[in-house]
Protein backbone atom coordinates (compact mmCIF):
# COMPACT_ATOMS: atom_id res chain seq x y z
CA MET A 1 0.00 0.00 0.00
CA GLU A 2 1.32 3.42 -0.89
CA LEU A 3 0.22 7.00 -1.31
CA SER A 4 -1.43 7.92 -4.59
CA ALA A 5 0.75 9.35 -7.37
CA PHE A 6 -0.95 12.72 -6.93
CA ARG A 7 -0.27 12.79 -3.18
CA GLN A 8 3.38 11.80 -3.72
CA ARG A 9 3.88 14.57 -6.28
CA LEU A 10 2.29 17.04 -3.90
CA LEU A 11 4.56 16.04 -1.01
CA ARG A 12 7.69 16.22 -3.17
CA GLY A 13 6.61 19.51 -4.71
CA ASP A 14 6.98 18.09 -8.22
CA VAL A 15 5.35 20.22 -10.88
CA HIS A 16 4.45 19.89 -14.55
CA LEU A 17 7.54 21.60 -16.04
CA ALA A 18 5.94 22.59 -19.36
CA ASN A 19 3.01 24.18 -17.53
CA ARG A 20 5.41 25.92 -15.16
CA GLU A 21 7.26 27.54 -18.06
CA LYS A 22 3.94 28.58 -19.57
CA LEU A 23 2.87 30.04 -16.22
CA LEU A 24 6.15 31.95 -15.88
CA GLY A 25 5.57 33.45 -19.32
CA GLU A 26 2.10 34.57 -18.20
CA TYR A 27 3.51 36.17 -15.04
CA LYS A 28 6.16 38.05 -17.02
CA TYR A 29 3.55 39.25 -19.51
CA PHE A 30 1.24 40.34 -16.69
CA ALA A 31 4.14 42.22 -15.05
CA SER A 32 4.75 44.07 -18.33
CA ILE A 33 1.16 45.37 -18.64
CA ALA A 34 0.17 45.95 -14.98
CA PRO A 35 0.70 49.32 -13.20
CA LYS A 36 4.00 49.64 -11.38
CA SER A 37 3.81 50.27 -7.64
CA SER A 38 5.09 53.60 -6.31
CA PHE A 39 5.75 51.95 -2.95
CA SER A 40 8.36 49.45 -4.07
CA GLY A 41 11.24 51.65 -2.93
CA ILE A 42 9.65 52.20 0.47
CA SER A 43 8.88 48.51 0.94
CA ASP A 44 12.45 47.60 -0.05
CA SER A 45 13.80 50.06 2.52
CA ILE A 46 11.58 48.58 5.23
CA ARG A 47 12.73 45.06 4.36
CA ASN A 48 16.39 46.17 4.43
CA ILE A 49 15.98 47.81 7.84
CA THR A 50 14.17 44.74 9.18
CA GLY A 51 16.96 42.50 7.88
CA LYS A 52 19.66 44.64 9.50
CA ILE A 53 17.81 44.63 12.84
CA ASN A 54 17.52 40.85 12.65
CA ASP A 55 21.25 40.51 11.87
CA PHE A 56 22.16 42.91 14.70
CA THR A 57 20.07 41.08 17.31
CA GLY A 58 20.79 37.59 16.04
CA GLY A 59 17.06 36.97 15.74
CA ASN A 60 16.55 37.22 19.52
CA LYS A 61 12.91 38.31 19.92
CA VAL A 62 13.43 39.78 23.39
CA VAL A 63 16.28 41.99 22.16
CA ILE A 64 14.22 43.02 19.12
CA VAL A 65 11.28 44.07 21.33
CA LEU A 66 13.56 46.08 23.65
CA LEU A 67 15.20 47.76 20.67
CA MET A 68 11.81 48.66 19.20
CA VAL A 69 10.68 50.17 22.53
CA ILE A 70 13.82 52.31 22.66
CA LEU A 71 13.30 53.44 19.06
CA ILE A 72 9.58 54.28 19.45
CA PRO A 73 10.13 58.09 19.59
CA LEU A 74 12.25 57.95 16.42
CA ILE A 75 9.68 55.71 14.70
CA ILE A 76 6.89 58.19 15.53
CA VAL A 77 8.90 61.05 14.01
CA LEU A 78 9.70 59.05 10.89
CA LEU A 79 6.06 58.04 10.45
CA SER A 80 4.92 61.65 10.75
CA VAL A 81 7.16 62.42 7.76
CA ALA A 82 6.65 59.19 5.82
CA LEU A 83 2.86 58.98 5.97
CA PRO A 84 2.23 62.23 4.04
CA ALA A 85 4.80 61.13 1.46
CA MET A 86 3.08 57.74 1.11
CA MET A 87 -0.32 59.40 0.71
CA LEU A 88 1.13 61.61 -2.03
CA LEU A 89 2.57 58.57 -3.81
CA LEU A 90 -0.80 56.82 -3.56
CA LEU A 91 -2.53 59.85 -5.06
CA VAL A 92 -0.05 59.91 -7.95
CA THR A 93 -0.58 56.17 -8.52
CA VAL A 94 -4.36 56.56 -8.61
CA MET A 95 -4.08 59.48 -11.03
CA PHE A 96 -1.96 57.43 -13.41
CA SER A 97 -4.17 54.34 -13.03
CA SER A 98 -6.83 56.06 -15.14
CA LYS A 99 -4.42 55.59 -18.04
CA GLN A 100 -4.09 51.85 -17.53
CA ASN A 101 -2.94 49.67 -20.36
CA PRO A 102 -6.08 48.32 -22.12
CA GLU A 103 -4.44 44.89 -22.14
CA TYR A 104 -4.28 44.99 -18.32
CA LYS A 105 -7.95 45.93 -18.06
CA ASN A 106 -8.96 43.00 -20.27
CA TYR A 107 -6.52 40.49 -18.78
CA ASN A 108 -8.33 37.44 -17.29
CA TYR A 109 -6.12 36.71 -14.28
CA TYR A 110 -8.25 33.75 -13.19
CA SER A 111 -8.17 31.71 -16.39
CA ARG A 112 -4.65 32.64 -17.49
CA ILE A 113 -2.80 32.31 -14.18
CA LEU A 114 -4.80 30.68 -11.37
CA GLU A 115 -6.25 27.80 -13.36
CA LEU A 116 -2.84 27.03 -14.83
CA MET A 117 -1.13 27.32 -11.44
CA CYS A 118 -3.37 24.63 -9.97
CA LYS A 119 -2.71 22.22 -12.82
CA LEU A 120 1.00 22.08 -12.07
CA PHE A 121 0.73 19.13 -9.68
CA ASP A 122 -1.71 16.95 -11.59
CA GLU A 123 -3.68 17.37 -14.80
CA LYS A 124 -6.78 15.94 -13.11
CA LEU A 125 -6.83 18.72 -10.54
CA SER A 126 -9.87 20.81 -11.41
CA PRO A 127 -10.25 23.58 -8.82
CA ASN A 128 -13.47 25.54 -8.61
CA PHE A 129 -12.71 29.06 -7.46
CA HIS A 130 -15.35 31.56 -6.41
CA TYR A 131 -14.72 34.91 -4.83
CA ASN A 132 -17.50 36.68 -2.92
CA SER A 133 -20.10 34.90 -5.04
CA ALA A 134 -23.46 35.41 -3.31
CA GLU A 135 -26.12 32.76 -3.20
CA ILE A 136 -29.54 32.97 -1.56
CA ILE A 137 -30.21 30.20 0.94
CA ASP A 138 -33.57 29.29 2.47
CA GLU A 139 -35.01 26.35 4.34
CA GLN A 140 -35.53 24.38 1.12
CA LYS A 141 -32.01 24.93 -0.14
CA SER A 142 -28.52 24.63 1.31
CA TYR A 143 -25.11 25.33 -0.18
CA ASP A 144 -24.15 22.01 -1.80
CA ASP A 145 -25.92 20.32 1.15
CA ALA A 146 -22.70 20.96 3.08
CA LEU A 147 -24.34 22.43 6.17
CA VAL A 148 -28.04 21.61 6.45
CA ASP A 149 -27.92 18.14 4.92
CA ALA A 150 -24.95 17.26 7.13
CA ARG A 151 -26.94 18.41 10.20
CA LEU A 152 -24.34 21.04 11.03
CA VAL A 153 -26.91 23.81 11.30
CA VAL A 154 -30.69 23.93 11.65
CA PRO A 155 -32.49 24.67 8.34
CA PHE A 156 -32.97 28.40 7.88
CA HIS A 157 -36.44 29.81 8.45
CA LYS A 158 -35.52 33.20 7.04
CA LYS A 159 -33.55 34.12 3.97
CA ALA A 160 -29.82 34.33 4.42
CA ARG A 161 -26.98 35.20 2.11
CA GLY A 162 -23.88 33.09 1.67
CA HIS A 163 -20.44 34.30 0.61
CA THR A 164 -17.98 31.73 -0.70
CA PHE A 165 -14.53 33.22 -0.14
CA THR A 166 -12.50 30.33 -1.52
CA SER A 167 -13.51 27.03 -3.06
CA MET A 168 -11.50 24.22 -4.58
CA SER A 169 -11.97 20.54 -5.24
CA TYR A 170 -9.99 17.56 -6.47
CA ASP A 171 -11.70 14.74 -8.40
CA TRP A 172 -14.86 15.20 -6.32
CA GLY A 173 -17.41 14.77 -9.10
CA ASN A 174 -15.47 12.20 -11.10
CA ALA A 175 -13.78 9.58 -8.95
CA LYS A 176 -15.07 8.55 -5.54
CA ASN A 177 -11.56 7.84 -4.28
CA THR A 178 -10.23 8.71 -0.86
CA ASP A 179 -7.94 11.39 -2.30
CA SER A 180 -10.87 13.45 -3.54
CA PHE A 181 -11.95 16.47 -1.50
CA GLU A 182 -13.92 19.69 -1.55
CA PHE A 183 -12.94 22.80 0.39
CA LEU A 184 -15.04 25.90 1.02
CA GLY A 185 -14.17 29.08 2.88
CA TYR A 186 -17.71 30.10 3.70
CA LYS A 187 -19.88 32.60 5.57
CA ILE A 188 -23.67 32.60 5.98
CA PHE A 189 -25.35 35.68 7.38
CA TYR A 190 -28.72 37.39 7.59
CA GLU A 191 -29.05 41.18 7.32
CA TRP A 192 -31.91 43.01 9.01
CA ARG A 193 -32.87 46.60 9.79
CA ASP A 194 -34.00 47.89 13.16
CA ASP A 195 -36.67 50.53 13.82
CA ASP A 196 -34.07 53.29 13.40
CA GLY A 197 -33.16 52.06 9.92
CA GLU A 198 -29.72 50.78 10.93
CA THR A 199 -28.51 47.58 9.26
CA HIS A 200 -27.38 44.68 11.42
CA GLU A 201 -25.80 41.37 10.50
CA GLU A 202 -26.60 38.08 12.17
CA VAL A 203 -23.97 35.47 11.34
CA PHE A 204 -25.11 31.84 11.23
CA TYR A 205 -21.76 30.42 10.27
CA ASN A 206 -18.32 31.76 9.41
CA GLY A 207 -15.51 29.35 8.74
CA CYS A 208 -14.53 26.61 6.34
CA ILE A 209 -16.04 23.34 5.23
CA TYR A 210 -14.17 20.22 4.14
CA LYS A 211 -15.74 17.19 2.45
CA PHE A 212 -13.88 13.88 2.04
CA HIS A 213 -14.67 10.41 0.73
CA THR A 214 -13.84 8.01 3.56
CA SER A 215 -12.28 4.56 3.40
CA PHE A 216 -15.32 3.16 5.25
CA THR A 217 -19.09 3.39 4.82
CA ILE A 218 -21.81 3.67 7.46
CA ASN A 219 -25.56 3.20 7.04
CA GLY A 220 -26.74 6.07 9.22
CA THR A 221 -25.39 9.40 10.41
CA VAL A 222 -22.85 10.30 13.09
CA ASN A 223 -22.35 13.89 14.28
CA ILE A 224 -19.62 15.07 16.65
CA MET A 225 -19.80 18.72 17.69
CA SER A 226 -17.50 20.96 19.73
CA THR A 227 -19.01 22.60 22.78
CA VAL A 228 -17.86 25.93 24.19
CA THR A 229 -18.20 27.22 27.74
CA LYS A 230 -18.13 30.86 28.76
CA LYS A 231 -17.72 32.23 32.27
CA GLY A 232 -20.66 34.27 33.49
CA ILE A 233 -20.38 37.78 34.95
CA LEU A 234 -21.33 36.50 38.41
CA GLY A 235 -19.25 33.35 38.14
CA GLY A 236 -20.10 29.91 36.93
CA GLU A 237 -19.96 28.66 33.36
CA LYS A 238 -22.49 28.67 30.55
CA GLU A 239 -22.31 26.24 27.65
CA VAL A 240 -22.41 27.95 24.28
CA SER A 241 -22.33 25.50 21.39
CA LYS A 242 -21.05 26.72 18.06
CA PHE A 243 -23.10 23.99 16.39
CA LYS A 244 -26.64 22.96 17.24
CA TYR A 245 -27.72 19.43 16.52
CA ILE A 246 -31.21 18.92 15.11
CA LYS A 247 -33.55 17.18 17.54
CA ASP A 248 -34.91 14.08 15.88
CA LYS A 249 -36.57 10.99 17.30
CA GLU A 250 -34.25 8.88 15.15
CA ILE A 251 -31.16 10.45 16.69
CA ASN A 252 -29.52 9.07 19.85
CA VAL A 253 -27.23 11.03 22.16
CA ILE A 254 -24.04 9.03 22.59
CA ASP A 255 -22.31 8.78 25.98
CA THR A 256 -18.62 7.99 26.19
CA GLU A 257 -16.62 6.81 29.18
CA ASN A 258 -14.11 9.60 28.60
CA GLN A 259 -15.43 12.43 30.79
CA PHE A 260 -13.06 15.02 29.31
CA PHE A 261 -14.26 14.16 25.80
CA ALA A 262 -17.90 14.42 26.94
CA GLU A 263 -17.21 17.91 28.32
CA ASN A 264 -15.78 19.09 24.99
CA PHE A 265 -18.07 17.36 22.48
CA ASP A 266 -21.70 16.46 21.89
CA THR A 267 -22.09 13.24 19.93
CA ILE A 268 -25.31 12.08 18.26
CA ALA A 269 -25.96 9.20 15.88
CA THR A 270 -28.72 7.15 14.27
CA ASN A 271 -26.91 4.01 15.38
CA ASP A 272 -24.88 3.69 18.58
CA ALA A 273 -22.63 0.96 17.21
CA GLU A 274 -21.55 3.09 14.23
CA ALA A 275 -20.68 5.99 16.53
CA TYR A 276 -18.53 3.77 18.75
CA ARG A 277 -16.88 2.31 15.66
CA PHE A 278 -15.58 5.79 14.85
CA LEU A 279 -14.96 6.94 18.44
CA THR A 280 -11.98 4.70 19.16
CA PRO A 281 -9.52 5.74 21.92
CA ALA A 282 -7.05 6.89 19.24
CA MET A 283 -9.72 8.97 17.46
CA ILE A 284 -10.91 10.52 20.74
CA GLU A 285 -7.31 11.57 21.43
CA THR A 286 -7.06 13.08 17.93
CA LEU A 287 -10.33 15.00 18.31
CA LEU A 288 -9.28 16.40 21.69
CA ARG A 289 -5.96 17.52 20.19
CA LEU A 290 -7.75 19.30 17.32
CA ARG A 291 -10.19 20.83 19.80
CA GLN A 292 -7.32 22.75 21.42
CA ASN A 293 -7.08 24.91 18.28
CA TYR A 294 -10.47 24.78 16.55
CA TYR A 295 -14.20 24.70 17.15
CA PHE A 296 -15.52 22.14 14.70
CA CYS A 297 -18.29 19.74 13.82
CA ILE A 298 -18.01 16.43 11.98
CA CYS A 299 -20.77 14.66 10.10
CA ILE A 300 -20.26 11.16 8.68
CA LYS A 301 -22.95 9.95 6.31
CA GLY A 302 -22.44 7.00 3.98
CA ASN A 303 -18.85 7.30 2.78
CA VAL A 304 -18.66 11.11 3.01
CA MET A 305 -17.21 13.02 5.94
CA THR A 306 -18.08 16.72 6.22
CA VAL A 307 -15.99 18.81 8.62
CA ALA A 308 -17.03 22.37 9.45
CA ILE A 309 -14.40 24.43 11.29
CA ASP A 310 -15.50 27.72 12.78
CA LYS A 311 -13.68 31.00 12.07
CA GLY A 312 -9.99 30.68 12.84
CA GLY A 313 -9.72 27.18 11.42
CA TYR A 314 -8.52 28.01 7.94
CA LYS A 315 -5.05 26.62 8.63
CA ASN A 316 -2.99 27.35 5.49
CA ALA A 317 -6.01 27.43 3.21
CA ILE A 318 -6.90 31.02 4.00
CA GLN A 319 -8.94 33.02 1.55
CA SER A 320 -5.94 35.11 0.44
CA THR A 321 -4.13 31.92 -0.63
CA MET A 322 -6.39 31.39 -3.61
CA ASN A 323 -7.67 34.93 -4.08
CA VAL A 324 -8.90 35.25 -7.66
CA SER A 325 -8.81 39.04 -7.63
CA LYS A 326 -6.43 40.47 -10.20
CA PRO A 327 -3.52 42.25 -8.45
CA PHE A 328 -3.54 46.00 -8.98
CA PHE A 329 0.27 46.27 -9.17
CA ALA A 330 2.75 44.28 -11.21
CA PRO A 331 4.93 41.83 -9.25
CA LYS A 332 8.45 43.16 -8.83
CA ASP A 333 9.93 39.73 -9.58
CA PRO A 334 7.48 37.57 -11.59
CA GLU A 335 9.33 34.31 -10.91
CA VAL A 336 9.51 34.89 -7.14
CA GLU A 337 5.80 35.82 -7.05
CA MET A 338 4.90 32.76 -9.12
CA ASN A 339 6.86 30.41 -6.82
CA ARG A 340 5.19 31.96 -3.78
CA LYS A 341 1.71 31.36 -5.21
CA ILE A 342 2.57 27.79 -6.22
CA ASN A 343 3.84 27.13 -2.70
CA ASP A 344 0.66 28.64 -1.22
CA CYS A 345 -1.45 26.36 -3.39
CA ARG A 346 0.58 23.31 -2.39
CA ASN A 347 0.43 24.17 1.34
CA ALA A 348 -3.33 24.69 1.15
CA MET A 349 -3.87 21.22 -0.29
CA LEU A 350 -1.40 19.62 2.12
CA SER A 351 -3.23 21.17 5.08
CA ILE A 352 -6.50 19.68 3.81
CA TYR A 353 -4.94 16.22 3.52
CA GLU A 354 -3.34 16.62 6.95
CA LEU A 355 -6.79 17.02 8.49
CA LYS A 356 -8.25 14.18 6.43
CA ASP A 357 -5.46 11.76 7.39
CA LEU A 358 -6.00 12.49 11.08
CA LEU A 359 -9.70 11.67 10.80
CA ASP A 360 -9.42 8.73 8.37
CA PRO A 361 -5.88 7.26 8.57
CA ALA A 362 -6.80 4.23 6.44
CA GLY A 363 -7.83 6.54 3.60
CA MET A 364 -4.27 7.75 3.07
CA TYR A 365 -3.39 4.89 0.79
CA THR A 366 -4.63 3.60 -2.53
CA VAL A 367 -5.69 -0.02 -2.79
């Protein structure tokens, strides 16, 4: 048994060389038509100063902090001079941006750079990117069934709006193999106005959603949800769950012998035996370790595992990693910028597989 060819290429950082050369050509062309930043000199100076401070202190953080405290008066004086100059440079940049190269205005950054970048590791990789794409959600409809159908949130009884910040998938619709995944950076909210006409936002969910094909299949549904406790003003603790399970006569609340696990998670299932099959001592230890960093909910249904991680759980797959927005300024060094984006893409996918392997170790390998 061994890792799939795609996973091995991803770990090694191997890329499709012909596509890489094509991508480098696109970056160089984009750099030639995009506006040049007026702040490059300032940013270079800041980096040089930072490098010299690091060399002087030997990287000792305590010494760096003390040095910065001593230099605060000088920094304030420099900022009082630099900020007006930076504002003037920004004004000049904006004035000249009205005379942008028509080729830059018409350049499709998504199809010419991002799609190609994500095909460097494997030709079958077909990412689906969306950026701030709004979709109306109501009680009859959920976003790809990722939340409501997985019992991660109660069906909405009032219209809400969903923003997909980042979305990508690998072989999800084609091959039901254990390497396939879907990832969504997602936010669902409801806007309402009060009697004074002020707009308020009620957030139902803000975080990311992962979907994996598991190496095993269950007949029912198992949900494991983080619980959160807050200290009250007058003492004591109040349980505040990030995720609310749906009350259903077919659902059983599962008790575990591990008291610490029971304090941190609510577990429900249609079949007790299937829940205990997943909640092994090793898995309980893994879930408690993840719980130290993230609030999350897991739903296992059939051979699909959906994991919703509340805000703060983006790991490396943050929305800026795969941002499809066309940069306003040209990269100073196209090859360096390209390598950075490729590395971001690789780290994002590796972080997704890291989570999957923790929750389904047997699914790491191809049969």
